[in-house]
């Protein structure tokens, strides 16, 4: 069979602990990235960019940030939508104050601002955990969205209360606004997500990631072996919020172009990202992408079948879509509670043992 480890000998600890120790995995990832970067931009159009690829990438990045906090560190959060709003409004104000600033720096600074806010709201995690921590982050969700909606400075005192992205060029290529091509927006977002996903994979495999997982598994035992809960938990909130803030900036600036906080960053957004990591798999970088693909693609598929194939009107199709999505999520969690990433791992294990899979 094509998926075998035989003959792939490791001569060092570094080679044995590589990100992709099996050559087939490396080539598969390289192939996916090659198609995403070199093939997809030539075929992308407005529908594929705005309905599928951009929301998939943005939500995968937001889910990756939440997975760092919840999946790897075990800290429950229901404030993802609010932290996305912090990133969005930070990018809006930064572009307004410094219009000549490179947009990559704007994204980084938006993430830093969100990380600082996330650390503030992460302070209760030092005393409370579980359901009570979820309630604390839920308070952040309502307070931050209320603040962005009521304080006029954040939306430049616009009478509509909305913020609209300004035209932004990245090395001479327009990446925001109606003049930006779908390929330009897609490639920029894909590059940011790919770099941050690679960084997250390395972080969770290093010392900081091992500290997070020790806190997740048993925080008292982790403290006894020398891990500082304050440092570990706040670093998880900071890194997670940074990723979510960058996702919020991309969501506003590149994907939507204009947002209103009550509608774009409400509690439903937080649950949406939470469902992504539950379906994709907690404590897995790959799970963030698999879960985002599931959440983004399945509703589109259901709507096309019900409206185009079965003749439902769009209103009825929307209600049926919500019902079926809920049933699919429940069914999936019963069949495989560890998410799509676990199913992918099982499939690879069976391929390695073929033709005698157990």
Protein backbone atom coordinates (compact mmCIF):
# COMPACT_ATOMS: atom_id res chain seq x y z
CA UNK A 1 0.00 0.00 0.00
CA UNK A 2 1.13 3.59 -0.61
CA UNK A 3 0.98 4.65 3.06
CA UNK A 4 3.90 2.86 4.71
CA UNK A 5 6.69 3.77 7.13
CA UNK A 6 8.98 0.91 6.17
CA UNK A 7 12.39 2.14 5.04
CA UNK A 8 11.90 5.59 6.54
CA UNK A 9 14.57 5.29 9.23
CA UNK A 10 15.26 8.12 11.67
CA UNK A 11 18.87 8.77 12.65
CA UNK A 12 18.27 11.58 15.16
CA UNK A 13 15.81 12.71 17.80
CA UNK A 14 15.04 15.83 15.75
CA UNK A 15 14.05 13.71 12.74
CA UNK A 16 11.91 11.45 14.91
CA UNK A 17 10.07 14.44 16.42
CA UNK A 18 9.55 16.26 13.11
CA UNK A 19 6.18 17.85 12.44
CA UNK A 20 5.51 15.30 9.68
CA UNK A 21 7.76 12.28 10.37
CA UNK A 22 6.19 10.21 7.59
CA UNK A 23 7.14 11.30 4.07
CA UNK A 24 3.64 10.69 2.70
CA UNK A 25 2.21 13.19 5.19
CA UNK A 26 4.74 15.81 4.16
CA UNK A 27 4.00 15.34 0.48
CA UNK A 28 0.25 15.42 1.10
CA UNK A 29 0.50 18.75 2.95
CA UNK A 30 2.81 20.16 0.29
CA UNK A 31 0.36 19.04 -2.40
CA UNK A 32 -2.60 20.68 -0.64
CA UNK A 33 -0.68 23.94 -0.22
CA UNK A 34 0.48 23.82 -3.85
CA UNK A 35 -3.12 23.47 -5.06
CA UNK A 36 -4.32 26.19 -2.68
CA UNK A 37 -1.61 28.69 -3.69
CA UNK A 38 -0.91 27.85 -7.33
CA UNK A 39 -4.11 26.39 -8.75
CA UNK A 40 -7.12 27.78 -6.88
CA UNK A 41 -6.39 31.49 -7.60
CA UNK A 42 -6.80 30.87 -11.34
CA UNK A 43 -10.31 29.42 -10.92
CA UNK A 44 -11.68 31.45 -8.03
CA UNK A 45 -14.64 33.79 -8.56
CA UNK A 46 -16.80 36.00 -6.35
CA UNK A 47 -19.05 33.14 -5.24
CA UNK A 48 -16.22 30.79 -4.31
CA UNK A 49 -14.35 33.57 -2.51
CA UNK A 50 -17.21 35.13 -0.54
CA UNK A 51 -19.37 32.08 0.11
CA UNK A 52 -16.81 29.33 0.67
CA UNK A 53 -13.08 30.03 0.77
CA UNK A 54 -12.84 33.30 2.73
CA UNK A 55 -15.31 32.28 5.48
CA UNK A 56 -13.61 28.87 5.69
CA UNK A 57 -10.18 30.44 6.20
CA UNK A 58 -11.35 33.11 8.65
CA UNK A 59 -13.36 30.70 10.78
CA UNK A 60 -10.54 28.14 10.70
CA UNK A 61 -8.18 30.79 12.11
CA UNK A 62 -10.69 31.82 14.80
CA UNK A 63 -11.27 28.16 15.68
CA UNK A 64 -7.52 27.61 15.84
CA UNK A 65 -7.28 30.40 18.41
CA UNK A 66 -10.14 29.02 20.50
CA UNK A 67 -8.68 25.51 20.24
CA UNK A 68 -5.42 26.75 21.75
CA UNK A 69 -7.34 27.99 24.78
CA UNK A 70 -10.01 25.29 25.14
CA UNK A 71 -8.52 22.25 23.43
CA UNK A 72 -4.91 22.57 24.57
CA UNK A 73 -5.20 24.50 27.86
CA UNK A 74 -8.67 23.37 28.96
CA UNK A 75 -10.02 26.89 29.61
CA UNK A 76 -13.61 27.26 28.41
CA UNK A 77 -14.46 30.50 26.60
CA UNK A 78 -17.72 31.88 25.24
CA UNK A 79 -16.31 35.27 24.28
CA UNK A 80 -14.83 34.47 20.87
CA UNK A 81 -17.22 36.77 19.04
CA UNK A 82 -16.26 39.70 21.27
CA UNK A 83 -12.54 39.08 20.80
CA UNK A 84 -13.08 38.97 17.04
CA UNK A 85 -14.79 42.35 17.42
CA UNK A 86 -11.76 43.70 19.28
CA UNK A 87 -9.52 42.66 16.39
CA UNK A 88 -11.88 44.15 13.83
CA UNK A 89 -12.23 47.51 15.56
CA UNK A 90 -8.51 47.66 16.35
CA UNK A 91 -7.69 47.20 12.66
CA UNK A 92 -10.28 49.84 11.71
CA UNK A 93 -8.81 52.44 14.07
CA UNK A 94 -5.20 51.59 13.21
CA UNK A 95 -5.82 51.99 9.48
CA UNK A 96 -7.57 55.28 10.22
CA UNK A 97 -4.70 56.62 12.35
CA UNK A 98 -1.86 55.20 10.22
CA UNK A 99 -3.12 54.80 6.63
CA UNK A 100 0.38 54.17 5.25
CA UNK A 101 1.11 51.33 7.66
CA UNK A 102 1.61 47.90 6.07
CA UNK A 103 -1.51 45.83 6.57
CA UNK A 104 0.46 42.88 7.94
CA UNK A 105 1.65 45.16 10.74
CA UNK A 106 -1.95 46.29 11.25
CA UNK A 107 -3.03 42.66 11.62
CA UNK A 108 -0.20 41.97 14.06
CA UNK A 109 -1.03 45.03 16.17
CA UNK A 110 -4.73 44.13 16.11
CA UNK A 111 -3.78 40.71 17.45
CA UNK A 112 -1.61 42.28 20.16
CA UNK A 113 -4.46 44.56 21.28
CA UNK A 114 -6.82 41.60 21.40
CA UNK A 115 -4.22 39.56 23.32
CA UNK A 116 -4.03 42.31 25.96
CA UNK A 117 -7.83 42.37 26.28
CA UNK A 118 -7.93 38.57 26.40
CA UNK A 119 -5.40 38.50 29.24
CA UNK A 120 -7.52 40.95 31.24
CA UNK A 121 -10.62 38.80 30.90
CA UNK A 122 -8.49 35.69 31.46
CA UNK A 123 -7.51 36.76 34.98
CA UNK A 124 -10.57 35.03 36.54
CA UNK A 125 -9.20 31.71 35.24
CA UNK A 126 -6.68 31.81 38.08
CA UNK A 127 -9.51 31.37 40.59
CA UNK A 128 -12.38 29.71 38.71
CA UNK A 129 -12.72 27.05 36.05
CA UNK A 130 -15.26 25.18 33.95
CA UNK A 131 -18.79 26.56 33.88
CA UNK A 132 -17.91 29.59 36.02
CA UNK A 133 -15.09 30.59 33.67
CA UNK A 134 -17.48 30.24 30.73
CA UNK A 135 -19.84 32.68 32.45
CA UNK A 136 -16.96 35.12 33.02
CA UNK A 137 -16.02 35.07 29.34
CA UNK A 138 -19.70 35.39 28.46
CA UNK A 139 -19.71 38.64 30.41
CA UNK A 140 -16.83 39.80 28.22
CA UNK A 141 -18.91 38.92 25.16
CA UNK A 142 -21.81 41.15 26.16
CA UNK A 143 -19.73 43.99 27.60
CA UNK A 144 -17.37 44.38 24.64
CA UNK A 145 -20.12 44.21 22.02
CA UNK A 146 -22.16 46.74 24.02
CA UNK A 147 -19.12 49.06 24.25
CA UNK A 148 -18.41 48.94 20.51
CA UNK A 149 -22.07 49.65 19.83
CA UNK A 150 -22.49 52.53 22.28
CA UNK A 151 -19.16 54.40 22.32
CA UNK A 152 -19.08 56.54 19.20
CA UNK A 153 -15.29 56.88 19.07
CA UNK A 154 -14.93 53.26 18.00
CA UNK A 155 -17.05 53.72 14.86
CA UNK A 156 -15.96 57.33 14.17
CA UNK A 157 -19.38 58.63 15.25
CA UNK A 158 -21.03 57.20 12.16
CA UNK A 159 -24.80 57.69 12.40
CA UNK A 160 -25.41 54.11 11.27
CA UNK A 161 -23.09 52.66 13.91
CA UNK A 162 -21.26 50.64 11.27
CA UNK A 163 -17.58 50.57 10.39
CA UNK A 164 -16.47 50.27 6.78
CA UNK A 165 -13.02 49.24 5.66
CA UNK A 166 -10.88 51.76 3.84
CA UNK A 167 -9.16 50.77 0.58
CA UNK A 168 -5.93 48.97 1.49
CA UNK A 169 -3.09 48.05 -0.84
CA UNK A 170 -0.60 45.33 0.00
CA UNK A 171 2.58 45.94 -2.01
CA UNK A 172 0.54 47.66 -4.70
CA UNK A 173 -2.27 45.06 -4.83
CA UNK A 174 -5.72 46.05 -3.56
CA UNK A 175 -6.92 43.53 -0.96
CA UNK A 176 -9.97 45.27 0.54
CA UNK A 177 -13.09 46.91 -0.82
CA UNK A 178 -15.05 46.32 -4.03
CA UNK A 179 -12.02 46.98 -6.23
CA UNK A 180 -10.09 44.03 -4.75
CA UNK A 181 -10.17 40.89 -6.85
CA UNK A 182 -11.33 37.59 -5.28
CA UNK A 183 -7.92 36.04 -5.99
CA UNK A 184 -6.07 38.86 -4.18
CA UNK A 185 -8.26 38.65 -1.08
CA UNK A 186 -8.05 34.86 -1.06
CA UNK A 187 -4.26 34.69 -1.46
CA UNK A 188 -3.64 37.28 1.25
CA UNK A 189 -5.95 35.53 3.71
CA UNK A 190 -4.55 32.11 2.83
CA UNK A 191 -0.98 33.29 3.40
CA UNK A 192 -1.80 34.74 6.83
CA UNK A 193 -3.73 31.64 7.90
CA UNK A 194 -1.03 29.24 6.65
CA UNK A 195 1.76 31.08 8.50
CA UNK A 196 -0.24 31.30 11.73
CA UNK A 197 -1.31 27.65 11.51
CA UNK A 198 2.32 26.58 11.10
CA UNK A 199 3.27 28.76 14.06
CA UNK A 200 0.49 27.28 16.19
CA UNK A 201 1.60 23.75 15.32
CA UNK A 202 5.12 24.55 16.50
CA UNK A 203 3.93 26.32 19.65
CA UNK A 204 1.76 23.43 20.85
CA UNK A 205 4.60 20.97 20.22
CA UNK A 206 7.06 23.01 22.30
CA UNK A 207 7.52 23.76 25.97
CA UNK A 208 4.64 26.24 26.15
CA UNK A 209 2.26 23.76 24.53
CA UNK A 210 3.28 21.03 26.97
CA UNK A 211 2.60 23.41 29.87
CA UNK A 212 -0.87 24.13 28.48
CA UNK A 213 -1.68 20.44 28.14
CA UNK A 214 -0.41 19.73 31.66
CA UNK A 215 -2.71 22.44 33.02
CA UNK A 216 -5.57 20.99 30.97
CA UNK A 217 -5.07 17.43 32.19
CA UNK A 218 -4.54 18.21 35.91
CA UNK A 219 -3.65 21.71 37.01
CA UNK A 220 -2.73 20.75 40.59
CA UNK A 221 -0.27 18.08 39.42
CA UNK A 222 1.14 20.53 36.86
CA UNK A 223 1.79 23.08 39.60
CA UNK A 224 3.49 20.43 41.73
CA UNK A 225 6.01 19.66 38.97
CA UNK A 226 6.97 23.31 38.61
CA UNK A 227 4.53 24.75 36.04
CA UNK A 228 3.19 28.17 36.98
CA UNK A 229 -0.60 28.27 36.46
CA UNK A 230 -0.59 32.09 36.22
CA UNK A 231 1.94 32.11 33.41
CA UNK A 232 0.48 29.11 31.57
CA UNK A 233 -3.15 30.23 31.64
CA UNK A 234 -2.50 33.87 30.79
CA UNK A 235 -0.16 32.88 27.95
CA UNK A 236 -2.91 30.62 26.58
CA UNK A 237 -5.42 33.48 26.76
CA UNK A 238 -2.92 35.84 25.11
CA UNK A 239 -1.99 33.53 22.22
CA UNK A 240 -5.59 32.44 21.71
CA UNK A 241 -6.86 36.03 21.71
CA UNK A 242 -4.10 37.06 19.29
CA UNK A 243 -5.27 34.46 16.77
CA UNK A 244 -8.93 35.33 17.27
CA UNK A 245 -8.15 39.05 16.94
CA UNK A 246 -6.34 38.54 13.64
CA UNK A 247 -9.29 36.43 12.46
CA UNK A 248 -11.66 39.26 13.43
CA UNK A 249 -9.56 41.80 11.51
CA UNK A 250 -9.60 39.58 8.41
CA UNK A 251 -13.32 38.95 8.89
CA UNK A 252 -14.02 42.67 8.85
CA UNK A 253 -11.42 44.07 6.45
CA UNK A 254 -11.01 41.38 3.81
CA UNK A 255 -14.15 39.24 3.99
CA UNK A 256 -17.12 41.49 4.82
CA UNK A 257 -15.84 45.03 4.32
CA UNK A 258 -18.32 46.56 6.76
CA UNK A 259 -19.76 45.30 10.05
CA UNK A 260 -22.12 46.28 12.83
CA UNK A 261 -21.10 44.73 16.19
CA UNK A 262 -24.49 43.54 17.43
CA UNK A 263 -25.11 41.57 14.24
CA UNK A 264 -21.60 40.53 13.21
CA UNK A 265 -20.08 39.66 16.60
CA UNK A 266 -22.98 38.53 18.78
CA UNK A 267 -23.13 35.44 20.98
CA UNK A 268 -24.05 33.30 17.97
CA UNK A 269 -20.58 33.95 16.57
CA UNK A 270 -19.01 32.58 19.75
CA UNK A 271 -21.14 29.42 19.62
CA UNK A 272 -20.39 29.06 15.91
CA UNK A 273 -16.65 28.91 16.53
CA UNK A 274 -17.15 26.64 19.54
CA UNK A 275 -19.11 24.18 17.40
CA UNK A 276 -16.27 24.20 14.88
CA UNK A 277 -13.68 23.00 17.38
CA UNK A 278 -16.07 20.44 18.92
CA UNK A 279 -16.84 18.94 15.51
CA UNK A 280 -13.29 19.21 14.21
CA UNK A 281 -11.65 17.91 17.37
CA UNK A 282 -10.41 19.54 20.56
CA UNK A 283 -6.66 19.81 20.93
CA UNK A 284 -5.93 19.51 17.22
CA UNK A 285 -4.68 22.06 14.70
CA UNK A 286 -6.09 19.98 11.86
CA UNK A 287 -9.42 19.81 13.69
CA UNK A 288 -9.88 23.58 13.36
CA UNK A 289 -9.71 23.30 9.56
CA UNK A 290 -11.86 20.16 9.34
CA UNK A 291 -14.50 21.66 11.62
CA UNK A 292 -14.55 24.93 9.67
CA UNK A 293 -14.96 23.02 6.42
CA UNK A 294 -17.87 21.06 7.92
CA UNK A 295 -19.65 24.12 9.32
CA UNK A 296 -19.17 26.22 6.17
CA UNK A 297 -19.80 23.60 3.48
CA UNK A 298 -22.65 21.51 4.92
CA UNK A 299 -25.18 24.41 5.12
CA UNK A 300 -24.36 25.37 1.52
CA UNK A 301 -24.82 21.78 0.40
CA UNK A 302 -28.11 21.43 2.26
CA UNK A 303 -29.43 24.72 0.86
CA UNK A 304 -28.53 23.75 -2.70
CA UNK A 305 -30.27 20.39 -2.29
CA UNK A 306 -33.41 21.81 -0.67
CA UNK A 307 -33.83 24.93 -2.82
CA UNK A 308 -32.36 23.75 -6.12
CA UNK A 309 -33.18 20.05 -5.98
CA UNK A 310 -36.31 19.74 -3.81
CA UNK A 311 -38.00 23.08 -4.55
CA UNK A 312 -38.22 24.50 -1.01
CA UNK A 313 -38.52 28.27 -0.72
CA UNK A 314 -35.52 29.99 0.84
CA UNK A 315 -37.25 30.78 4.15
CA UNK A 316 -38.35 27.20 4.77
CA UNK A 317 -34.96 25.95 3.61
CA UNK A 318 -33.27 28.17 6.23
CA UNK A 319 -35.33 26.66 9.06
CA UNK A 320 -34.81 23.10 7.84
CA UNK A 321 -31.10 23.82 7.43
CA UNK A 322 -30.80 24.91 11.08
CA UNK A 323 -32.71 21.81 12.23
CA UNK A 324 -30.67 19.41 10.13
CA UNK A 325 -27.38 21.04 11.16
CA UNK A 326 -28.32 20.59 14.81
CA UNK A 327 -29.23 16.94 14.26
CA UNK A 328 -26.01 16.34 12.31
CA UNK A 329 -23.92 17.87 15.10
CA UNK A 330 -25.64 15.73 17.75
CA UNK A 331 -25.32 12.59 15.64
CA UNK A 332 -21.69 13.26 14.91
CA UNK A 333 -20.82 13.90 18.55
CA UNK A 334 -22.43 10.59 19.52
CA UNK A 335 -20.63 8.63 16.81
CA UNK A 336 -17.21 10.26 17.27
CA UNK A 337 -16.96 12.66 20.23
CA UNK A 338 -13.28 13.35 19.51
CA UNK A 339 -14.10 15.03 16.21
CA UNK A 340 -13.19 14.73 12.57
CA UNK A 341 -9.49 14.88 13.38
CA UNK A 342 -9.81 11.58 15.24
CA UNK A 343 -11.59 9.99 12.27
CA UNK A 344 -8.73 11.14 10.04
CA UNK A 345 -6.21 9.64 12.47
CA UNK A 346 -8.07 6.32 12.55
CA UNK A 347 -8.17 6.21 8.75
CA UNK A 348 -4.40 6.74 8.57
CA UNK A 349 -3.78 4.02 11.16
CA UNK A 350 -5.85 1.55 9.15
CA UNK A 351 -3.97 2.46 5.98
CA UNK A 352 -0.65 1.80 7.72
CA UNK A 353 -1.84 -1.71 8.68
CA UNK A 354 -3.47 -2.53 5.34
CA UNK A 355 -4.48 -5.24 4.37
CA UNK A 356 -4.90 -6.22 8.02
CA UNK A 357 -6.59 -3.21 9.64
CA UNK A 358 -8.03 -3.82 13.08
